[in-house]
Amino acid sequence: MAYHHIALPIISILSIAAVPAFEDTTFLDRQVASYLGAGVGDAGGAHAVIDPKLKLKRCGKAVQISATNKNALLVSCQELGWRIFVPIRFGRNGTDQSNGGSVEPMVQRNQPVTLVVRRPTFSISYSVIAQKSGGMGEYIPVRSDRKAKQLMARISGPGEVELTN
């Protein structure tokens, strides 16, 4: 009978130690999918799973998920101060197909944008003017001035385009 009094505290201590100290990234993926109404990799869903190597301390309260802009969600824990951004995958024509509405263009016609040329050993960036509006992943014509040759570049972010091979 005396063993029951000793065993109960030991079992409760062991069960507390068994709770992982870090957030389960697959659970965070499910929360993001629920928030967006689309699975990972689907149009309107997260672009990829949250990296399971991330060691985010377990949040005492529920994590918060909020839209930051048209191409990412913010997943955060206010009490611990951590936050991650989860990119969203869009449809082929730049529309968010989870709600059927079109996404505002990331680059507007005649807007100055940064053109980035990336290579394995270096990258170069310089300022150009967008000749057409477009959304993430779309190819648009750009040029450095009116007399310069027009180049086709892919929109890689807000105010940024890149030359691809």
Protein backbone atom coordinates (compact mmCIF):
# COMPACT_ATOMS: atom_id res chain seq x y z
CA MET A 1 0.00 0.00 0.00
CA ALA A 2 2.87 2.39 0.74
CA TYR A 3 4.18 1.77 -2.78
CA HIS A 4 1.13 3.49 -4.31
CA HIS A 5 1.97 6.72 -2.53
CA ILE A 6 5.52 6.69 -3.88
CA ALA A 7 4.68 5.42 -7.37
CA LEU A 8 2.11 8.11 -8.16
CA PRO A 9 4.51 11.09 -7.87
CA ILE A 10 7.19 9.23 -9.83
CA ILE A 11 4.75 8.41 -12.66
CA SER A 12 3.50 12.00 -12.80
CA ILE A 13 7.07 13.35 -12.98
CA LEU A 14 7.91 10.92 -15.79
CA SER A 15 4.78 11.88 -17.73
CA ILE A 16 5.68 15.59 -17.48
CA ALA A 17 9.17 14.84 -18.80
CA ALA A 18 7.64 12.96 -21.77
CA VAL A 19 5.95 16.11 -23.12
CA PRO A 20 8.15 17.46 -25.94
CA ALA A 21 9.66 20.89 -25.34
CA PHE A 22 9.21 21.93 -28.98
CA GLU A 23 6.24 22.61 -31.26
CA ASP A 24 5.17 19.76 -33.52
CA THR A 25 5.65 21.16 -37.04
CA THR A 26 3.20 18.64 -38.55
CA PHE A 27 0.54 19.97 -36.17
CA LEU A 28 1.41 23.53 -37.27
CA ASP A 29 1.07 22.38 -40.91
CA ARG A 30 -2.42 21.06 -40.16
CA GLN A 31 -3.39 24.35 -38.50
CA VAL A 32 -2.14 26.33 -41.52
CA ALA A 33 -4.04 24.01 -43.90
CA SER A 34 -7.19 24.45 -41.83
CA TYR A 35 -6.78 28.26 -41.83
CA LEU A 36 -6.24 28.38 -45.61
CA GLY A 37 -8.75 25.69 -46.52
CA ALA A 38 -6.17 23.98 -48.76
CA GLY A 39 -3.46 21.39 -48.22
CA VAL A 40 0.30 21.80 -48.45
CA GLY A 41 1.33 22.09 -52.09
CA ASP A 42 -2.21 22.75 -53.34
CA ALA A 43 -3.21 26.03 -54.98
CA GLY A 44 -4.19 28.39 -52.15
CA GLY A 45 -2.34 26.27 -49.56
CA ALA A 46 1.12 26.41 -48.04
CA HIS A 47 3.92 26.21 -50.58
CA ALA A 48 5.78 23.55 -48.53
CA VAL A 49 5.71 21.92 -45.10
CA ILE A 50 7.22 23.78 -42.18
CA ASP A 51 10.79 22.59 -41.74
CA PRO A 52 10.74 19.81 -39.12
CA LYS A 53 14.28 20.79 -38.06
CA LEU A 54 12.93 24.03 -36.58
CA LYS A 55 13.10 23.87 -32.81
CA LEU A 56 10.34 26.29 -31.81
CA LYS A 57 9.69 26.30 -28.08
CA ARG A 58 6.25 24.96 -27.23
CA CYS A 59 3.78 27.82 -26.91
CA GLY A 60 1.79 27.79 -23.66
CA LYS A 61 -1.23 29.26 -25.42
CA ALA A 62 -2.52 28.51 -28.91
CA VAL A 63 -0.30 29.77 -31.74
CA GLN A 64 -1.70 32.66 -33.75
CA ILE A 65 -2.07 32.52 -37.52
CA SER A 66 -2.66 35.69 -39.50
CA ALA A 67 -2.33 36.89 -43.07
CA THR A 68 0.62 39.26 -43.56
CA ASN A 69 0.20 40.01 -47.22
CA LYS A 70 -0.98 38.19 -50.30
CA ASN A 71 1.85 35.64 -50.40
CA ALA A 72 2.51 34.50 -46.80
CA LEU A 73 0.97 33.70 -43.43
CA LEU A 74 2.44 34.62 -40.08
CA VAL A 75 2.49 31.79 -37.51
CA SER A 76 3.56 33.12 -34.11
CA CYS A 77 3.64 32.65 -30.36
CA GLN A 78 3.16 36.02 -28.68
CA GLU A 79 4.20 34.90 -25.19
CA LEU A 80 7.56 33.45 -26.33
CA GLY A 81 8.20 35.95 -29.11
CA TRP A 82 8.86 33.52 -31.98
CA ARG A 83 7.31 33.85 -35.43
CA ILE A 84 7.68 32.18 -38.80
CA PHE A 85 6.38 33.07 -42.24
CA VAL A 86 4.72 30.36 -44.34
CA PRO A 87 4.66 31.07 -48.11
CA ILE A 88 1.37 30.44 -49.93
CA ARG A 89 1.17 28.65 -53.31
CA PHE A 90 -0.93 30.42 -55.92
CA GLY A 91 -2.67 29.09 -59.01
CA ARG A 92 -1.03 29.16 -62.45
CA ASN A 93 -2.55 32.52 -63.38
CA GLY A 94 -1.55 34.25 -60.13
CA THR A 95 -4.92 33.82 -58.46
CA ASP A 96 -5.52 32.52 -54.99
CA GLN A 97 -7.85 29.69 -55.83
CA SER A 98 -8.90 29.01 -52.25
CA ASN A 99 -11.33 31.91 -52.34
CA GLY A 100 -11.73 32.38 -56.10
CA GLY A 101 -10.56 36.01 -56.06
CA SER A 102 -7.61 37.39 -57.95
CA VAL A 103 -4.52 38.53 -56.15
CA GLU A 104 -3.42 42.12 -56.50
CA PRO A 105 -0.36 42.36 -58.78
CA MET A 106 2.95 42.35 -56.92
CA VAL A 107 4.48 44.61 -59.54
CA GLN A 108 2.68 47.49 -61.24
CA ARG A 109 3.37 48.82 -64.73
CA ASN A 110 5.99 51.65 -64.72
CA GLN A 111 7.05 50.73 -61.18
CA PRO A 112 10.79 50.76 -60.43
CA VAL A 113 11.82 47.21 -59.44
CA THR A 114 15.06 45.46 -58.59
CA LEU A 115 16.33 43.04 -61.22
CA VAL A 116 18.41 40.23 -59.70
CA VAL A 117 20.72 37.96 -61.69
CA ARG A 118 21.68 34.93 -59.57
CA ARG A 119 24.51 32.57 -60.44
CA PRO A 120 26.20 29.90 -58.29
CA THR A 121 29.19 32.10 -57.44
CA PHE A 122 27.68 35.61 -57.49
CA SER A 123 24.54 37.72 -57.82
CA ILE A 124 24.01 41.14 -59.35
CA SER A 125 21.08 43.48 -58.82
CA TYR A 126 20.14 46.75 -60.43
CA SER A 127 17.15 48.99 -60.88
CA VAL A 128 14.79 48.59 -63.87
CA ILE A 129 11.26 49.69 -64.78
CA ALA A 130 8.41 47.17 -65.13
CA GLN A 131 6.72 47.47 -68.51
CA LYS A 132 3.67 45.46 -67.42
CA SER A 133 1.86 44.58 -64.16
CA GLY A 134 2.07 41.02 -62.88
CA GLY A 135 1.78 38.61 -59.97
CA MET A 136 4.20 36.24 -58.28
CA GLY A 137 5.94 33.91 -60.76
CA GLU A 138 4.74 35.69 -63.90
CA TYR A 139 7.14 36.84 -66.61
CA ILE A 140 7.00 40.53 -67.46
CA PRO A 141 9.06 42.80 -69.72
CA VAL A 142 11.48 45.18 -67.96
CA ARG A 143 14.05 47.73 -69.14
CA SER A 144 16.52 50.09 -67.52
CA ASP A 145 15.45 53.11 -69.59
CA ARG A 146 13.37 53.94 -72.66
CA LYS A 147 16.20 53.29 -75.12
CA ALA A 148 17.46 50.08 -73.49
CA LYS A 149 16.68 46.61 -74.74
CA GLN A 150 13.64 45.01 -73.15
CA LEU A 151 14.28 41.87 -71.04
CA MET A 152 11.81 39.24 -69.84
CA ALA A 153 12.10 38.63 -66.09
CA ARG A 154 10.13 36.55 -63.60
CA ILE A 155 8.51 38.26 -60.59
CA SER A 156 10.14 36.79 -57.48
CA GLY A 157 8.72 39.05 -54.78
CA PRO A 158 7.25 42.48 -54.09
CA GLY A 159 9.26 44.95 -56.17
CA GLU A 160 11.73 42.27 -57.31
CA VAL A 161 12.20 40.37 -60.57
CA GLU A 162 14.87 37.89 -61.60
CA LEU A 163 16.47 36.67 -64.79
CA THR A 164 16.26 32.92 -65.16
CA ASN A 165 18.41 30.59 -67.25
